[in-house]
Amino acid sequence: MSLTKLNLVSARVLGVAVVVASLGLGGCATYSDEFATINSRLDQLDARVQNAAQSAESANQSAQQANRRLDQIESRVQQLEQAPRRQPRG
C-alpha cells in the first residue's frame, strides 16, 4: 500500500472511532438526565413517606390519649355501678 492509502485508512479508522466515542458520551448525558429524574422522584417519595410516618405517629398518640380517657371513664362507670342505689324522693 502506498503512504496515501495508509493515511486514508488511518483517517477512516480515526473518524469511526471519534463518531463511536461521541455517540457513547452522548448516551451518558442521557443517562445523567434519567438519573436526575429518578433521584428527584425518590426525593419526592421520601418526603411523602416522612409525612406519612409523622401522620401515623400523631394518630398513634391520639389513639393512646383516647384509650387513657376511656380507661378513666370505665373506672368511673364501675364505681357508679357498685355504689348502693339511692331511694327516690317522692
N, C-alpha and C. Protein backbone atom coordinates (compact mmCIF):
# COMPACT_ATOMS: atom_id res chain seq x y z
N MET A 1 0.83 -1.17 0.00
CA MET A 1 0.00 0.00 0.00
C MET A 1 0.88 1.24 0.00
N SER A 2 0.36 2.22 -0.62
CA SER A 2 1.13 3.46 -0.64
C SER A 2 0.85 4.24 0.63
N LEU A 3 1.66 5.23 0.84
CA LEU A 3 1.54 6.05 2.05
C LEU A 3 0.22 6.80 2.08
N THR A 4 -0.31 7.23 0.95
CA THR A 4 -1.57 7.95 0.88
C THR A 4 -2.73 7.04 1.27
N LYS A 5 -2.70 5.81 0.78
CA LYS A 5 -3.77 4.86 1.12
C LYS A 5 -3.74 4.53 2.60
N LEU A 6 -2.54 4.38 3.16
CA LEU A 6 -2.42 4.11 4.60
C LEU A 6 -2.97 5.28 5.42
N ASN A 7 -2.65 6.48 5.01
CA ASN A 7 -3.17 7.66 5.71
C ASN A 7 -4.69 7.72 5.61
N LEU A 8 -5.23 7.38 4.43
CA LEU A 8 -6.67 7.38 4.23
C LEU A 8 -7.35 6.35 5.13
N VAL A 9 -6.78 5.14 5.21
CA VAL A 9 -7.33 4.09 6.07
C VAL A 9 -7.25 4.52 7.53
N SER A 10 -6.13 5.09 7.90
CA SER A 10 -5.98 5.56 9.28
C SER A 10 -6.98 6.67 9.59
N ALA A 11 -7.19 7.56 8.66
CA ALA A 11 -8.14 8.64 8.86
C ALA A 11 -9.55 8.10 9.01
N ARG A 12 -9.89 7.11 8.20
CA ARG A 12 -11.23 6.49 8.32
C ARG A 12 -11.40 5.82 9.67
N VAL A 13 -10.41 5.07 10.09
CA VAL A 13 -10.48 4.39 11.39
C VAL A 13 -10.60 5.41 12.51
N LEU A 14 -9.81 6.46 12.42
CA LEU A 14 -9.87 7.51 13.43
C LEU A 14 -11.23 8.20 13.43
N GLY A 15 -11.77 8.45 12.25
CA GLY A 15 -13.09 9.07 12.13
C GLY A 15 -14.18 8.21 12.74
N VAL A 16 -14.13 6.91 12.46
CA VAL A 16 -15.12 5.99 13.04
C VAL A 16 -14.97 5.97 14.55
N ALA A 17 -13.75 5.96 15.05
CA ALA A 17 -13.52 5.95 16.50
C ALA A 17 -14.09 7.22 17.14
N VAL A 18 -13.90 8.37 16.48
CA VAL A 18 -14.42 9.62 17.01
C VAL A 18 -15.95 9.61 17.04
N VAL A 19 -16.56 9.11 15.97
CA VAL A 19 -18.02 9.04 15.92
C VAL A 19 -18.55 8.11 17.01
N VAL A 20 -17.93 6.94 17.18
CA VAL A 20 -18.37 5.99 18.21
C VAL A 20 -18.20 6.59 19.59
N ALA A 21 -17.08 7.25 19.83
CA ALA A 21 -16.83 7.86 21.14
C ALA A 21 -17.84 8.96 21.42
N SER A 22 -18.15 9.79 20.43
CA SER A 22 -19.10 10.87 20.66
C SER A 22 -20.50 10.33 20.91
N LEU A 23 -20.88 9.27 20.21
CA LEU A 23 -22.19 8.66 20.47
C LEU A 23 -22.24 8.04 21.86
N GLY A 24 -21.15 7.43 22.26
CA GLY A 24 -21.09 6.84 23.61
C GLY A 24 -21.19 7.88 24.69
N LEU A 25 -20.51 8.99 24.53
CA LEU A 25 -20.58 10.06 25.52
C LEU A 25 -21.95 10.73 25.51
N GLY A 26 -22.55 10.83 24.35
CA GLY A 26 -23.90 11.39 24.26
C GLY A 26 -24.89 10.52 25.02
N GLY A 27 -24.69 9.22 24.98
CA GLY A 27 -25.55 8.30 25.73
C GLY A 27 -25.41 8.51 27.22
N CYS A 28 -24.22 8.81 27.68
CA CYS A 28 -24.01 9.06 29.10
C CYS A 28 -24.77 10.30 29.56
N ALA A 29 -24.82 11.30 28.72
CA ALA A 29 -25.55 12.51 29.09
C ALA A 29 -27.04 12.18 29.26
N THR A 30 -27.57 11.32 28.41
CA THR A 30 -28.96 10.91 28.53
C THR A 30 -29.19 10.17 29.84
N TYR A 31 -28.27 9.28 30.19
CA TYR A 31 -28.41 8.56 31.45
C TYR A 31 -28.32 9.52 32.63
N SER A 32 -27.49 10.52 32.52
CA SER A 32 -27.37 11.50 33.59
C SER A 32 -28.71 12.21 33.83
N ASP A 33 -29.39 12.56 32.75
CA ASP A 33 -30.70 13.20 32.88
C ASP A 33 -31.71 12.24 33.51
N GLU A 34 -31.65 10.98 33.10
CA GLU A 34 -32.57 9.99 33.66
C GLU A 34 -32.30 9.77 35.14
N PHE A 35 -31.02 9.73 35.52
CA PHE A 35 -30.69 9.56 36.93
C PHE A 35 -31.16 10.76 37.74
N ALA A 36 -31.05 11.94 37.19
CA ALA A 36 -31.53 13.13 37.89
C ALA A 36 -33.04 13.06 38.08
N THR A 37 -33.76 12.59 37.07
CA THR A 37 -35.21 12.44 37.18
C THR A 37 -35.57 11.41 38.24
N ILE A 38 -34.86 10.29 38.21
CA ILE A 38 -35.13 9.22 39.19
C ILE A 38 -34.82 9.71 40.60
N ASN A 39 -33.70 10.43 40.77
CA ASN A 39 -33.36 10.95 42.10
C ASN A 39 -34.41 11.94 42.59
N SER A 40 -34.93 12.74 41.68
CA SER A 40 -35.98 13.69 42.06
C SER A 40 -37.23 12.95 42.52
N ARG A 41 -37.59 11.92 41.80
CA ARG A 41 -38.77 11.13 42.20
C ARG A 41 -38.55 10.44 43.54
N LEU A 42 -37.33 9.93 43.74
CA LEU A 42 -37.03 9.28 45.02
C LEU A 42 -37.11 10.28 46.17
N ASP A 43 -36.64 11.50 45.93
CA ASP A 43 -36.73 12.53 46.97
C ASP A 43 -38.19 12.85 47.29
N GLN A 44 -39.03 12.92 46.26
CA GLN A 44 -40.45 13.18 46.48
C GLN A 44 -41.09 12.04 47.27
N LEU A 45 -40.75 10.81 46.91
CA LEU A 45 -41.30 9.66 47.64
C LEU A 45 -40.82 9.65 49.08
N ASP A 46 -39.57 10.00 49.29
CA ASP A 46 -39.03 10.05 50.65
C ASP A 46 -39.79 11.08 51.48
N ALA A 47 -40.07 12.23 50.90
CA ALA A 47 -40.83 13.26 51.61
C ALA A 47 -42.23 12.75 51.95
N ARG A 48 -42.86 12.06 51.01
CA ARG A 48 -44.20 11.52 51.27
C ARG A 48 -44.17 10.48 52.38
N VAL A 49 -43.15 9.64 52.38
CA VAL A 49 -43.03 8.61 53.42
C VAL A 49 -42.83 9.27 54.78
N GLN A 50 -41.98 10.31 54.82
CA GLN A 50 -41.76 11.01 56.09
C GLN A 50 -43.07 11.65 56.59
N ASN A 51 -43.83 12.26 55.70
CA ASN A 51 -45.12 12.85 56.09
C ASN A 51 -46.08 11.78 56.59
N ALA A 52 -46.11 10.65 55.91
CA ALA A 52 -46.99 9.57 56.33
C ALA A 52 -46.57 9.03 57.70
N ALA A 53 -45.27 8.93 57.93
CA ALA A 53 -44.78 8.45 59.22
C ALA A 53 -45.16 9.43 60.34
N GLN A 54 -45.05 10.72 60.06
CA GLN A 54 -45.44 11.71 61.07
C GLN A 54 -46.93 11.66 61.34
N SER A 55 -47.72 11.49 60.30
CA SER A 55 -49.17 11.39 60.47
C SER A 55 -49.53 10.14 61.28
N ALA A 56 -48.86 9.05 60.99
CA ALA A 56 -49.12 7.82 61.72
C ALA A 56 -48.73 7.97 63.19
N GLU A 57 -47.62 8.63 63.46
CA GLU A 57 -47.21 8.85 64.84
C GLU A 57 -48.21 9.74 65.57
N SER A 58 -48.69 10.76 64.91
CA SER A 58 -49.69 11.64 65.50
C SER A 58 -50.98 10.88 65.79
N ALA A 59 -51.40 10.06 64.84
CA ALA A 59 -52.62 9.26 65.04
C ALA A 59 -52.43 8.28 66.19
N ASN A 60 -51.24 7.71 66.32
CA ASN A 60 -50.96 6.78 67.40
C ASN A 60 -51.04 7.48 68.75
N GLN A 61 -50.48 8.68 68.83
CA GLN A 61 -50.55 9.43 70.09
C GLN A 61 -51.99 9.78 70.45
N SER A 62 -52.77 10.18 69.44
CA SER A 62 -54.18 10.50 69.69
C SER A 62 -54.94 9.26 70.17
N ALA A 63 -54.66 8.13 69.57
CA ALA A 63 -55.33 6.89 69.98
C ALA A 63 -54.95 6.51 71.40
N GLN A 64 -53.69 6.69 71.76
CA GLN A 64 -53.27 6.38 73.13
C GLN A 64 -53.96 7.31 74.13
N GLN A 65 -54.08 8.57 73.78
CA GLN A 65 -54.77 9.51 74.66
C GLN A 65 -56.25 9.14 74.80
N ALA A 66 -56.87 8.75 73.70
CA ALA A 66 -58.27 8.33 73.76
C ALA A 66 -58.43 7.08 74.62
N ASN A 67 -57.49 6.16 74.52
CA ASN A 67 -57.55 4.94 75.35
C ASN A 67 -57.42 5.28 76.83
N ARG A 68 -56.54 6.24 77.16
CA ARG A 68 -56.41 6.64 78.57
C ARG A 68 -57.73 7.25 79.07
N ARG A 69 -58.37 8.07 78.26
CA ARG A 69 -59.65 8.66 78.66
C ARG A 69 -60.72 7.59 78.85
N LEU A 70 -60.75 6.61 77.95
CA LEU A 70 -61.71 5.52 78.10
C LEU A 70 -61.46 4.73 79.37
N ASP A 71 -60.19 4.51 79.70
CA ASP A 71 -59.88 3.79 80.94
C ASP A 71 -60.37 4.57 82.15
N GLN A 72 -60.21 5.91 82.13
CA GLN A 72 -60.70 6.73 83.24
C GLN A 72 -62.22 6.66 83.34
N ILE A 73 -62.88 6.74 82.21
CA ILE A 73 -64.35 6.67 82.21
C ILE A 73 -64.81 5.30 82.68
N GLU A 74 -64.12 4.26 82.25
CA GLU A 74 -64.52 2.90 82.64
C GLU A 74 -64.42 2.71 84.15
N SER A 75 -63.36 3.21 84.75
CA SER A 75 -63.25 3.07 86.21
C SER A 75 -64.34 3.85 86.91
N ARG A 76 -64.70 5.02 86.39
CA ARG A 76 -65.77 5.80 86.99
C ARG A 76 -67.12 5.10 86.84
N VAL A 77 -67.37 4.51 85.69
CA VAL A 77 -68.62 3.77 85.47
C VAL A 77 -68.70 2.59 86.43
N GLN A 78 -67.61 1.90 86.63
CA GLN A 78 -67.61 0.76 87.56
C GLN A 78 -67.89 1.22 88.98
N GLN A 79 -67.35 2.36 89.37
CA GLN A 79 -67.64 2.89 90.71
C GLN A 79 -69.12 3.20 90.86
N LEU A 80 -69.69 3.80 89.83
CA LEU A 80 -71.11 4.15 89.89
C LEU A 80 -71.98 2.89 89.92
N GLU A 81 -71.59 1.87 89.19
CA GLU A 81 -72.38 0.64 89.18
C GLU A 81 -72.31 -0.08 90.52
N GLN A 82 -71.21 0.03 91.22
CA GLN A 82 -71.04 -0.67 92.50
C GLN A 82 -71.59 0.14 93.68
N ALA A 83 -71.87 1.38 93.49
CA ALA A 83 -72.39 2.23 94.56
C ALA A 83 -73.81 1.76 94.92
N PRO A 84 -74.17 1.89 96.18
CA PRO A 84 -75.52 1.49 96.57
C PRO A 84 -76.56 2.39 95.89
N ARG A 85 -77.69 1.79 95.60
CA ARG A 85 -78.77 2.52 94.93
C ARG A 85 -79.44 3.46 95.92
N ARG A 86 -79.78 4.64 95.43
CA ARG A 86 -80.50 5.59 96.28
C ARG A 86 -81.99 5.40 96.11
N GLN A 87 -82.67 5.72 97.13
CA GLN A 87 -84.14 5.66 97.11
C GLN A 87 -84.65 6.96 96.50
N PRO A 88 -85.60 6.86 95.62
CA PRO A 88 -86.16 8.09 95.06
C PRO A 88 -86.88 8.91 96.14
N ARG A 89 -86.87 10.21 95.98
CA ARG A 89 -87.50 11.10 96.98
C ARG A 89 -88.94 11.36 96.54
N GLY A 90 -89.79 10.91 96.90
CA GLY A 90 -91.10 11.34 96.48
C GLY A 90 -92.14 10.38 96.60
